[in-house]
N, C-alpha and C. Protein backbone atom coordinates (compact mmCIF):
# COMPACT_ATOMS: atom_id res chain seq x y z
N MET A 1 -29.49 -4.03 11.35
CA MET A 1 -28.29 -4.12 12.15
C MET A 1 -27.95 -2.71 12.65
N SER A 2 -27.71 -2.62 13.94
CA SER A 2 -27.37 -1.32 14.51
C SER A 2 -25.89 -0.99 14.26
N VAL A 3 -25.56 0.26 14.49
CA VAL A 3 -24.18 0.71 14.28
C VAL A 3 -23.24 0.02 15.25
N SER A 4 -23.68 -0.16 16.50
CA SER A 4 -22.80 -0.81 17.47
C SER A 4 -22.56 -2.28 17.11
N THR A 5 -23.56 -2.95 16.58
CA THR A 5 -23.38 -4.34 16.17
C THR A 5 -22.39 -4.43 15.02
N ALA A 6 -22.52 -3.53 14.05
CA ALA A 6 -21.56 -3.52 12.93
C ALA A 6 -20.15 -3.23 13.43
N SER A 7 -20.04 -2.33 14.40
CA SER A 7 -18.73 -2.01 14.96
C SER A 7 -18.11 -3.22 15.65
N TYR A 8 -18.92 -3.95 16.41
CA TYR A 8 -18.41 -5.15 17.08
C TYR A 8 -17.99 -6.21 16.07
N VAL A 9 -18.72 -6.33 14.98
CA VAL A 9 -18.35 -7.30 13.94
C VAL A 9 -17.01 -6.92 13.31
N VAL A 10 -16.82 -5.63 13.02
CA VAL A 10 -15.56 -5.18 12.43
C VAL A 10 -14.40 -5.41 13.40
N TRP A 11 -14.55 -5.03 14.67
CA TRP A 11 -13.48 -5.24 15.66
C TRP A 11 -13.20 -6.73 15.87
N GLY A 12 -14.26 -7.55 15.83
CA GLY A 12 -14.06 -9.00 15.95
C GLY A 12 -13.26 -9.55 14.77
N ALA A 13 -13.56 -9.06 13.56
CA ALA A 13 -12.82 -9.50 12.38
C ALA A 13 -11.36 -9.06 12.45
N ILE A 14 -11.11 -7.83 12.89
CA ILE A 14 -9.73 -7.36 13.05
C ILE A 14 -9.00 -8.20 14.09
N GLY A 15 -9.66 -8.48 15.21
CA GLY A 15 -9.05 -9.32 16.25
C GLY A 15 -8.75 -10.72 15.75
N ALA A 16 -9.67 -11.30 15.00
CA ALA A 16 -9.46 -12.64 14.45
C ALA A 16 -8.29 -12.64 13.47
N LEU A 17 -8.15 -11.58 12.67
CA LEU A 17 -7.04 -11.48 11.74
C LEU A 17 -5.71 -11.36 12.47
N VAL A 18 -5.69 -10.58 13.54
CA VAL A 18 -4.46 -10.44 14.33
C VAL A 18 -4.05 -11.78 14.95
N VAL A 19 -5.02 -12.50 15.51
CA VAL A 19 -4.72 -13.80 16.11
C VAL A 19 -4.25 -14.78 15.03
N LEU A 20 -4.87 -14.75 13.86
CA LEU A 20 -4.45 -15.63 12.77
C LEU A 20 -3.02 -15.34 12.34
N LEU A 21 -2.68 -14.06 12.18
CA LEU A 21 -1.31 -13.70 11.80
C LEU A 21 -0.31 -14.07 12.88
N TRP A 22 -0.69 -13.88 14.15
CA TRP A 22 0.19 -14.27 15.25
C TRP A 22 0.45 -15.77 15.21
N TRP A 23 -0.61 -16.56 15.02
CA TRP A 23 -0.48 -18.01 14.96
C TRP A 23 0.38 -18.43 13.77
N LEU A 24 0.14 -17.81 12.61
CA LEU A 24 0.93 -18.15 11.43
C LEU A 24 2.40 -17.81 11.61
N SER A 25 2.69 -16.77 12.38
CA SER A 25 4.09 -16.39 12.58
C SER A 25 4.86 -17.45 13.35
N TYR A 26 4.17 -18.25 14.13
CA TYR A 26 4.84 -19.32 14.87
C TYR A 26 4.80 -20.65 14.13
N VAL A 27 3.77 -20.86 13.32
CA VAL A 27 3.69 -22.10 12.55
C VAL A 27 4.59 -22.06 11.33
N ARG A 28 4.57 -20.91 10.62
CA ARG A 28 5.40 -20.75 9.42
C ARG A 28 6.20 -19.46 9.54
N PRO A 29 7.30 -19.46 10.27
CA PRO A 29 8.07 -18.24 10.50
C PRO A 29 8.65 -17.63 9.22
N SER A 30 8.82 -18.42 8.19
CA SER A 30 9.36 -17.87 6.95
C SER A 30 8.31 -17.09 6.17
N ALA A 31 7.03 -17.30 6.47
CA ALA A 31 5.96 -16.63 5.72
C ALA A 31 5.51 -15.34 6.38
N VAL A 32 5.47 -15.32 7.73
CA VAL A 32 4.95 -14.16 8.46
C VAL A 32 5.95 -13.80 9.55
N THR A 33 6.21 -12.51 9.70
CA THR A 33 7.13 -12.03 10.72
C THR A 33 6.47 -12.06 12.09
N HIS A 34 7.24 -12.34 13.14
CA HIS A 34 6.72 -12.34 14.50
C HIS A 34 6.28 -10.92 14.88
N PRO A 35 5.21 -10.82 15.68
CA PRO A 35 4.73 -9.49 16.09
C PRO A 35 5.79 -8.65 16.81
N ALA A 36 6.62 -9.27 17.62
CA ALA A 36 7.67 -8.53 18.33
C ALA A 36 8.68 -7.93 17.35
N ASP A 37 8.96 -8.63 16.27
CA ASP A 37 9.87 -8.09 15.26
C ASP A 37 9.27 -6.87 14.56
N VAL A 38 7.97 -6.92 14.31
CA VAL A 38 7.29 -5.78 13.66
C VAL A 38 7.32 -4.56 14.58
N VAL A 39 6.98 -4.75 15.85
CA VAL A 39 6.98 -3.64 16.81
C VAL A 39 8.41 -3.11 16.97
N GLY A 40 9.39 -3.99 17.02
CA GLY A 40 10.79 -3.56 17.14
C GLY A 40 11.24 -2.74 15.94
N LYS A 41 10.82 -3.13 14.77
CA LYS A 41 11.18 -2.39 13.56
C LYS A 41 10.52 -1.02 13.54
N VAL A 42 9.24 -0.95 13.96
CA VAL A 42 8.54 0.33 14.00
C VAL A 42 9.16 1.24 15.05
N ALA A 43 9.57 0.68 16.18
CA ALA A 43 10.11 1.46 17.29
C ALA A 43 11.50 2.02 17.02
N THR A 44 12.16 1.59 15.97
CA THR A 44 13.50 2.12 15.67
C THR A 44 13.43 3.48 14.99
N HIS A 45 12.29 3.83 14.45
CA HIS A 45 12.12 5.12 13.78
C HIS A 45 11.44 6.11 14.73
N PRO A 46 11.90 7.35 14.80
CA PRO A 46 11.30 8.32 15.74
C PRO A 46 9.80 8.52 15.52
N LEU A 47 9.36 8.61 14.27
CA LEU A 47 7.93 8.76 14.01
C LEU A 47 7.18 7.49 14.40
N GLY A 48 7.80 6.36 14.23
CA GLY A 48 7.19 5.09 14.63
C GLY A 48 6.96 5.05 16.13
N ARG A 49 7.89 5.59 16.90
CA ARG A 49 7.72 5.64 18.35
C ARG A 49 6.52 6.50 18.73
N VAL A 50 6.38 7.63 18.04
CA VAL A 50 5.23 8.50 18.31
C VAL A 50 3.93 7.77 17.98
N VAL A 51 3.89 7.07 16.87
CA VAL A 51 2.69 6.32 16.48
C VAL A 51 2.39 5.24 17.52
N LEU A 52 3.41 4.55 18.01
CA LEU A 52 3.19 3.53 19.03
C LEU A 52 2.65 4.12 20.33
N VAL A 53 3.21 5.24 20.77
CA VAL A 53 2.75 5.86 22.01
C VAL A 53 1.32 6.35 21.86
N VAL A 54 1.02 7.01 20.76
CA VAL A 54 -0.36 7.48 20.54
C VAL A 54 -1.32 6.29 20.42
N GLY A 55 -0.88 5.24 19.78
CA GLY A 55 -1.72 4.04 19.67
C GLY A 55 -2.00 3.41 21.03
N PHE A 56 -0.98 3.32 21.88
CA PHE A 56 -1.19 2.79 23.22
C PHE A 56 -2.08 3.71 24.06
N MET A 57 -1.92 5.03 23.87
CA MET A 57 -2.78 5.96 24.58
C MET A 57 -4.24 5.79 24.15
N TRP A 58 -4.46 5.65 22.86
CA TRP A 58 -5.82 5.46 22.34
C TRP A 58 -6.41 4.16 22.87
N LEU A 59 -5.61 3.11 22.84
CA LEU A 59 -6.08 1.82 23.33
C LEU A 59 -6.41 1.88 24.81
N GLY A 60 -5.55 2.50 25.59
CA GLY A 60 -5.81 2.64 27.02
C GLY A 60 -7.05 3.45 27.30
N TRP A 61 -7.26 4.52 26.56
CA TRP A 61 -8.44 5.34 26.77
C TRP A 61 -9.71 4.55 26.47
N HIS A 62 -9.70 3.78 25.38
CA HIS A 62 -10.91 3.07 24.97
C HIS A 62 -11.16 1.79 25.76
N LEU A 63 -10.12 1.22 26.34
CA LEU A 63 -10.32 -0.02 27.10
C LEU A 63 -10.47 0.20 28.59
N PHE A 64 -9.76 1.18 29.15
CA PHE A 64 -9.72 1.29 30.60
C PHE A 64 -10.41 2.54 31.16
N ALA A 65 -10.53 3.59 30.37
CA ALA A 65 -11.07 4.83 30.91
C ALA A 65 -12.59 4.88 30.89
N ARG A 66 -13.21 3.98 30.19
CA ARG A 66 -14.67 4.02 30.09
C ARG A 66 -15.31 3.14 31.12
């Protein structure tokens, strides 16, 4: 298995976990918090805002700049 294949498998697993948690947040709202609530909670803290901005910058660079 090449390094790129392993990387795609890891990113696919992370993506599947995110989709599963998103789905669970709507099926069982008492068990899992909605993604918007998590982002809102992180964005209320100044360091959280910096982490969000850097995260969006990283995501934009890796998805759109290449």
